[in-house]
Structure formats: C-alpha cells, structure tokens
Amino acid sequence: MIQDRIKEDKPILIDFYTTTCSICTVLDQSLKEVSKEFKDELDLIKIDIDKDKINTIHFDATYKIMGVPTLMLFKNNKLLWKYNGVLFPDDLINNLKKHL
C-alpha cells in the first residue's frame, strides 16, 4: 500500500492526476525529466483520482488534494513538499532539490 511506502527512508513523489486533465499531461513531461534526474534517489507514484478511490480518499482526508495535478513529496512518513498545478522540468527539479 502507498501508505506504507511513504514511511520508507527513500523519498516518494506522488502525482495525483486524472486522464481528462490537460495540464496533467503537460506535467507528465516534467515528471519524465524528474525520473531521469532522480532515478536512484526517489520513487514516483502516479495516482489517478478517478480510478484509485481508496488512496485518493486517504490522502485527501489527511493532506487535502485541492485539485489536479497535485504533487506530494514524502520521506519517513513526513510530507516534505506539496504543490498544486503544473511545473516545467527545471522548476520541478529545483523544487525537489530544495526538499531532498
């Protein structure tokens, strides 16, 4: 379960999205760059809020998903960073570096 994964020492970046969200597809390009940049340093998990209701309800109740796309960075069960909206690759990478 994802709730167990966020407790790990390795950082987890969660992308909450929907397939009908146009800016979510723009963010996908940034996330591909993040995957290359941080391939050994963090894991990326994508959650489609329309299909994965159990995880969506849990994270929304605890951390308030204010729309899609929403990114949340966790390590050792702590929310390190949260962002709602789209970021271009360099901006996303720089934000993650500040929190890792």
N, C-alpha and C. Protein backbone atom coordinates (compact mmCIF):
# COMPACT_ATOMS: atom_id res chain seq x y z
N MET A 1 0.84 -1.19 0.00
CA MET A 1 0.00 0.00 0.00
C MET A 1 0.88 1.25 0.00
N ILE A 2 0.34 2.28 -0.57
CA ILE A 2 1.10 3.52 -0.66
C ILE A 2 1.33 4.13 0.72
N GLN A 3 0.38 3.98 1.63
CA GLN A 3 0.56 4.50 2.98
C GLN A 3 1.80 3.90 3.64
N ASP A 4 2.13 2.67 3.32
CA ASP A 4 3.35 2.05 3.85
C ASP A 4 4.59 2.57 3.14
N ARG A 5 4.48 2.86 1.88
CA ARG A 5 5.63 3.34 1.09
C ARG A 5 6.11 4.70 1.57
N ILE A 6 5.19 5.58 1.99
CA ILE A 6 5.62 6.92 2.41
C ILE A 6 6.38 6.89 3.73
N LYS A 7 6.34 5.78 4.43
CA LYS A 7 7.07 5.63 5.70
C LYS A 7 8.53 5.28 5.48
N GLU A 8 8.89 4.93 4.28
CA GLU A 8 10.24 4.49 3.97
C GLU A 8 11.23 5.65 3.97
N ASP A 9 12.51 5.30 4.07
CA ASP A 9 13.57 6.29 4.06
C ASP A 9 13.78 6.89 2.67
N LYS A 10 13.47 6.11 1.63
CA LYS A 10 13.61 6.62 0.26
C LYS A 10 12.43 7.54 -0.04
N PRO A 11 12.70 8.77 -0.50
CA PRO A 11 11.61 9.69 -0.81
C PRO A 11 10.67 9.15 -1.89
N ILE A 12 9.41 9.52 -1.75
CA ILE A 12 8.35 9.12 -2.69
C ILE A 12 7.68 10.40 -3.18
N LEU A 13 7.62 10.58 -4.49
CA LEU A 13 6.88 11.68 -5.09
C LEU A 13 5.59 11.11 -5.65
N ILE A 14 4.46 11.61 -5.15
CA ILE A 14 3.16 11.13 -5.62
C ILE A 14 2.53 12.20 -6.50
N ASP A 15 2.09 11.78 -7.67
CA ASP A 15 1.40 12.64 -8.63
C ASP A 15 -0.07 12.23 -8.64
N PHE A 16 -0.95 13.11 -8.17
CA PHE A 16 -2.39 12.88 -8.24
C PHE A 16 -2.89 13.55 -9.52
N TYR A 17 -3.55 12.78 -10.37
CA TYR A 17 -3.95 13.27 -11.69
C TYR A 17 -5.26 12.61 -12.12
N THR A 18 -5.77 13.06 -13.27
CA THR A 18 -6.85 12.36 -13.97
C THR A 18 -6.47 12.29 -15.44
N THR A 19 -7.05 11.34 -16.14
CA THR A 19 -6.76 11.21 -17.57
C THR A 19 -7.42 12.30 -18.39
N THR A 20 -8.40 12.99 -17.83
CA THR A 20 -9.09 14.06 -18.55
C THR A 20 -8.51 15.44 -18.28
N CYS A 21 -7.47 15.51 -17.49
CA CYS A 21 -6.84 16.78 -17.11
C CYS A 21 -5.75 17.13 -18.12
N SER A 22 -5.95 18.23 -18.85
CA SER A 22 -4.98 18.58 -19.89
C SER A 22 -3.64 19.04 -19.31
N ILE A 23 -3.64 19.77 -18.20
CA ILE A 23 -2.35 20.20 -17.65
C ILE A 23 -1.62 19.04 -16.97
N CYS A 24 -2.36 17.99 -16.63
CA CYS A 24 -1.71 16.78 -16.09
C CYS A 24 -0.79 16.16 -17.13
N THR A 25 -1.19 16.22 -18.40
CA THR A 25 -0.36 15.67 -19.46
C THR A 25 0.89 16.53 -19.67
N VAL A 26 0.77 17.84 -19.45
CA VAL A 26 1.93 18.73 -19.53
C VAL A 26 2.90 18.38 -18.40
N LEU A 27 2.36 18.17 -17.20
CA LEU A 27 3.19 17.81 -16.06
C LEU A 27 3.90 16.48 -16.28
N ASP A 28 3.29 15.58 -17.02
CA ASP A 28 3.92 14.28 -17.31
C ASP A 28 5.31 14.44 -17.93
N GLN A 29 5.46 15.44 -18.79
CA GLN A 29 6.77 15.68 -19.41
C GLN A 29 7.80 16.06 -18.34
N SER A 30 7.39 16.90 -17.40
CA SER A 30 8.28 17.28 -16.31
C SER A 30 8.64 16.08 -15.45
N LEU A 31 7.65 15.23 -15.20
CA LEU A 31 7.88 14.04 -14.37
C LEU A 31 8.83 13.06 -15.04
N LYS A 32 8.82 13.00 -16.36
CA LYS A 32 9.78 12.15 -17.08
C LYS A 32 11.21 12.64 -16.84
N GLU A 33 11.37 13.96 -16.84
CA GLU A 33 12.70 14.54 -16.57
C GLU A 33 13.11 14.27 -15.12
N VAL A 34 12.16 14.38 -14.20
CA VAL A 34 12.43 14.10 -12.79
C VAL A 34 12.88 12.65 -12.63
N SER A 35 12.21 11.74 -13.31
CA SER A 35 12.57 10.32 -13.23
C SER A 35 14.01 10.09 -13.68
N LYS A 36 14.44 10.81 -14.70
CA LYS A 36 15.83 10.69 -15.17
C LYS A 36 16.80 11.30 -14.16
N GLU A 37 16.47 12.49 -13.69
CA GLU A 37 17.35 13.24 -12.78
C GLU A 37 17.53 12.54 -11.43
N PHE A 38 16.45 11.98 -10.92
CA PHE A 38 16.46 11.40 -9.57
C PHE A 38 16.24 9.89 -9.59
N LYS A 39 16.66 9.22 -10.63
CA LYS A 39 16.30 7.81 -10.84
C LYS A 39 16.63 6.91 -9.66
N ASP A 40 17.71 7.16 -8.96
CA ASP A 40 18.08 6.32 -7.81
C ASP A 40 17.72 6.96 -6.47
N GLU A 41 17.30 8.22 -6.50
CA GLU A 41 17.09 8.96 -5.26
C GLU A 41 15.65 9.00 -4.78
N LEU A 42 14.70 8.82 -5.67
CA LEU A 42 13.30 8.86 -5.26
C LEU A 42 12.45 8.00 -6.17
N ASP A 43 11.32 7.59 -5.64
CA ASP A 43 10.35 6.82 -6.43
C ASP A 43 9.18 7.71 -6.79
N LEU A 44 8.66 7.53 -7.98
CA LEU A 44 7.50 8.27 -8.45
C LEU A 44 6.30 7.33 -8.49
N ILE A 45 5.21 7.78 -7.89
CA ILE A 45 3.96 7.03 -7.91
C ILE A 45 2.88 7.93 -8.48
N LYS A 46 2.14 7.42 -9.43
CA LYS A 46 1.04 8.18 -10.04
C LYS A 46 -0.28 7.59 -9.57
N ILE A 47 -1.18 8.46 -9.12
CA ILE A 47 -2.50 8.03 -8.65
C ILE A 47 -3.57 8.75 -9.45
N ASP A 48 -4.33 7.98 -10.22
CA ASP A 48 -5.48 8.52 -10.96
C ASP A 48 -6.63 8.62 -9.97
N ILE A 49 -7.01 9.84 -9.62
CA ILE A 49 -8.01 10.03 -8.56
C ILE A 49 -9.40 9.53 -8.97
N ASP A 50 -9.63 9.35 -10.26
CA ASP A 50 -10.91 8.80 -10.70
C ASP A 50 -10.97 7.28 -10.54
N LYS A 51 -9.81 6.63 -10.56
CA LYS A 51 -9.78 5.16 -10.52
C LYS A 51 -9.34 4.60 -9.17
N ASP A 52 -8.46 5.29 -8.50
CA ASP A 52 -7.91 4.79 -7.23
C ASP A 52 -8.55 5.53 -6.06
N LYS A 53 -9.79 5.18 -5.79
CA LYS A 53 -10.57 5.88 -4.76
C LYS A 53 -10.01 5.68 -3.36
N ILE A 54 -9.52 4.49 -3.04
CA ILE A 54 -9.05 4.23 -1.68
C ILE A 54 -7.88 5.14 -1.32
N ASN A 55 -6.85 5.20 -2.17
CA ASN A 55 -5.71 6.07 -1.89
C ASN A 55 -6.10 7.54 -1.97
N THR A 56 -6.96 7.89 -2.90
CA THR A 56 -7.39 9.28 -3.04
C THR A 56 -8.10 9.74 -1.78
N ILE A 57 -9.03 8.95 -1.27
CA ILE A 57 -9.77 9.33 -0.06
C ILE A 57 -8.82 9.48 1.12
N HIS A 58 -7.90 8.54 1.27
CA HIS A 58 -6.94 8.61 2.39
C HIS A 58 -6.10 9.88 2.32
N PHE A 59 -5.47 10.13 1.18
CA PHE A 59 -4.59 11.28 1.06
C PHE A 59 -5.36 12.60 1.10
N ASP A 60 -6.56 12.62 0.55
CA ASP A 60 -7.36 13.84 0.60
C ASP A 60 -7.76 14.16 2.03
N ALA A 61 -8.17 13.16 2.79
CA ALA A 61 -8.58 13.38 4.18
C ALA A 61 -7.41 13.88 5.02
N THR A 62 -6.24 13.38 4.75
CA THR A 62 -5.07 13.73 5.56
C THR A 62 -4.34 14.97 5.06
N TYR A 63 -4.18 15.11 3.74
CA TYR A 63 -3.32 16.15 3.18
C TYR A 63 -4.03 17.13 2.25
N LYS A 64 -5.32 16.97 2.03
CA LYS A 64 -6.14 17.88 1.22
C LYS A 64 -5.63 18.05 -0.22
N ILE A 65 -6.16 17.23 -1.09
CA ILE A 65 -5.90 17.36 -2.52
C ILE A 65 -6.84 18.45 -3.03
N MET A 66 -6.29 19.57 -3.46
CA MET A 66 -7.10 20.73 -3.85
C MET A 66 -7.38 20.78 -5.35
N GLY A 67 -7.18 19.71 -6.03
CA GLY A 67 -7.38 19.66 -7.48
C GLY A 67 -6.23 18.91 -8.10
N VAL A 68 -6.29 18.75 -9.40
CA VAL A 68 -5.22 18.04 -10.10
C VAL A 68 -4.59 18.97 -11.13
N PRO A 69 -3.34 18.78 -11.38
CA PRO A 69 -2.43 17.85 -10.73
C PRO A 69 -1.99 18.37 -9.36
N THR A 70 -1.77 17.45 -8.45
CA THR A 70 -1.18 17.75 -7.15
C THR A 70 0.00 16.81 -6.95
N LEU A 71 1.11 17.39 -6.54
CA LEU A 71 2.31 16.62 -6.23
C LEU A 71 2.56 16.66 -4.73
N MET A 72 2.94 15.52 -4.17
CA MET A 72 3.30 15.44 -2.75
C MET A 72 4.58 14.63 -2.63
N LEU A 73 5.53 15.17 -1.90
CA LEU A 73 6.81 14.51 -1.67
C LEU A 73 6.88 14.06 -0.21
N PHE A 74 7.10 12.77 0.00
CA PHE A 74 7.16 12.19 1.34
C PHE A 74 8.50 11.51 1.58
N LYS A 75 8.87 11.50 2.85
CA LYS A 75 10.02 10.71 3.31
C LYS A 75 9.81 10.44 4.79
N ASN A 76 10.01 9.19 5.20
CA ASN A 76 9.85 8.81 6.60
C ASN A 76 8.51 9.25 7.19
N ASN A 77 7.47 9.10 6.40
CA ASN A 77 6.10 9.40 6.81
C ASN A 77 5.84 10.90 7.02
N LYS A 78 6.72 11.75 6.49
CA LYS A 78 6.53 13.19 6.60
C LYS A 78 6.30 13.78 5.21
N LEU A 79 5.34 14.68 5.14
CA LEU A 79 5.11 15.43 3.91
C LEU A 79 6.17 16.53 3.86
N LEU A 80 7.06 16.44 2.89
CA LEU A 80 8.15 17.41 2.75
C LEU A 80 7.77 18.59 1.87
N TRP A 81 6.89 18.33 0.89
CA TRP A 81 6.56 19.37 -0.09
C TRP A 81 5.26 18.99 -0.77
N LYS A 82 4.45 20.00 -1.06
CA LYS A 82 3.18 19.78 -1.76
C LYS A 82 3.01 20.92 -2.76
N TYR A 83 2.51 20.58 -3.95
CA TYR A 83 2.30 21.60 -4.98
C TYR A 83 1.08 21.23 -5.81
N ASN A 84 0.25 22.21 -6.07
CA ASN A 84 -0.92 22.03 -6.92
C ASN A 84 -0.73 22.84 -8.19
N GLY A 85 -0.72 22.16 -9.33
CA GLY A 85 -0.55 22.84 -10.61
C GLY A 85 0.58 22.22 -11.40
N VAL A 86 0.95 22.90 -12.46
CA VAL A 86 1.98 22.37 -13.36
C VAL A 86 3.29 23.12 -13.13
N LEU A 87 4.38 22.41 -13.21
CA LEU A 87 5.72 22.99 -13.16
C LEU A 87 6.50 22.46 -14.35
N PHE A 88 7.28 23.32 -14.96
CA PHE A 88 8.14 22.88 -16.04
C PHE A 88 9.34 22.13 -15.45
N PRO A 89 10.02 21.32 -16.25
CA PRO A 89 11.05 20.43 -15.71
C PRO A 89 12.07 21.09 -14.79
N ASP A 90 12.67 22.20 -15.21
CA ASP A 90 13.70 22.84 -14.38
C ASP A 90 13.14 23.31 -13.05
N ASP A 91 11.93 23.89 -13.08
CA ASP A 91 11.31 24.37 -11.84
C ASP A 91 10.99 23.22 -10.90
N LEU A 92 10.48 22.14 -11.44
CA LEU A 92 10.14 20.98 -10.62
C LEU A 92 11.40 20.37 -10.02
N ILE A 93 12.42 20.20 -10.82
CA ILE A 93 13.69 19.64 -10.33
C ILE A 93 14.29 20.52 -9.24
N ASN A 94 14.28 21.83 -9.44
CA ASN A 94 14.83 22.75 -8.43
C ASN A 94 14.04 22.68 -7.13
N ASN A 95 12.72 22.60 -7.22
CA ASN A 95 11.90 22.48 -6.01
C ASN A 95 12.20 21.19 -5.27
N LEU A 96 12.34 20.10 -5.99
CA LEU A 96 12.63 18.82 -5.35
C LEU A 96 14.01 18.84 -4.69
N LYS A 97 14.99 19.43 -5.35
CA LYS A 97 16.34 19.50 -4.78
C LYS A 97 16.35 20.25 -3.46
N LYS A 98 15.50 21.25 -3.33
CA LYS A 98 15.41 22.02 -2.08
C LYS A 98 14.92 21.16 -0.92
N HIS A 99 14.14 20.14 -1.23
CA HIS A 99 13.49 19.35 -0.18
C HIS A 99 14.07 17.96 0.01
N LEU A 100 15.04 17.60 -0.80
CA LEU A 100 15.65 16.26 -0.66
C LEU A 100 16.97 16.34 0.09
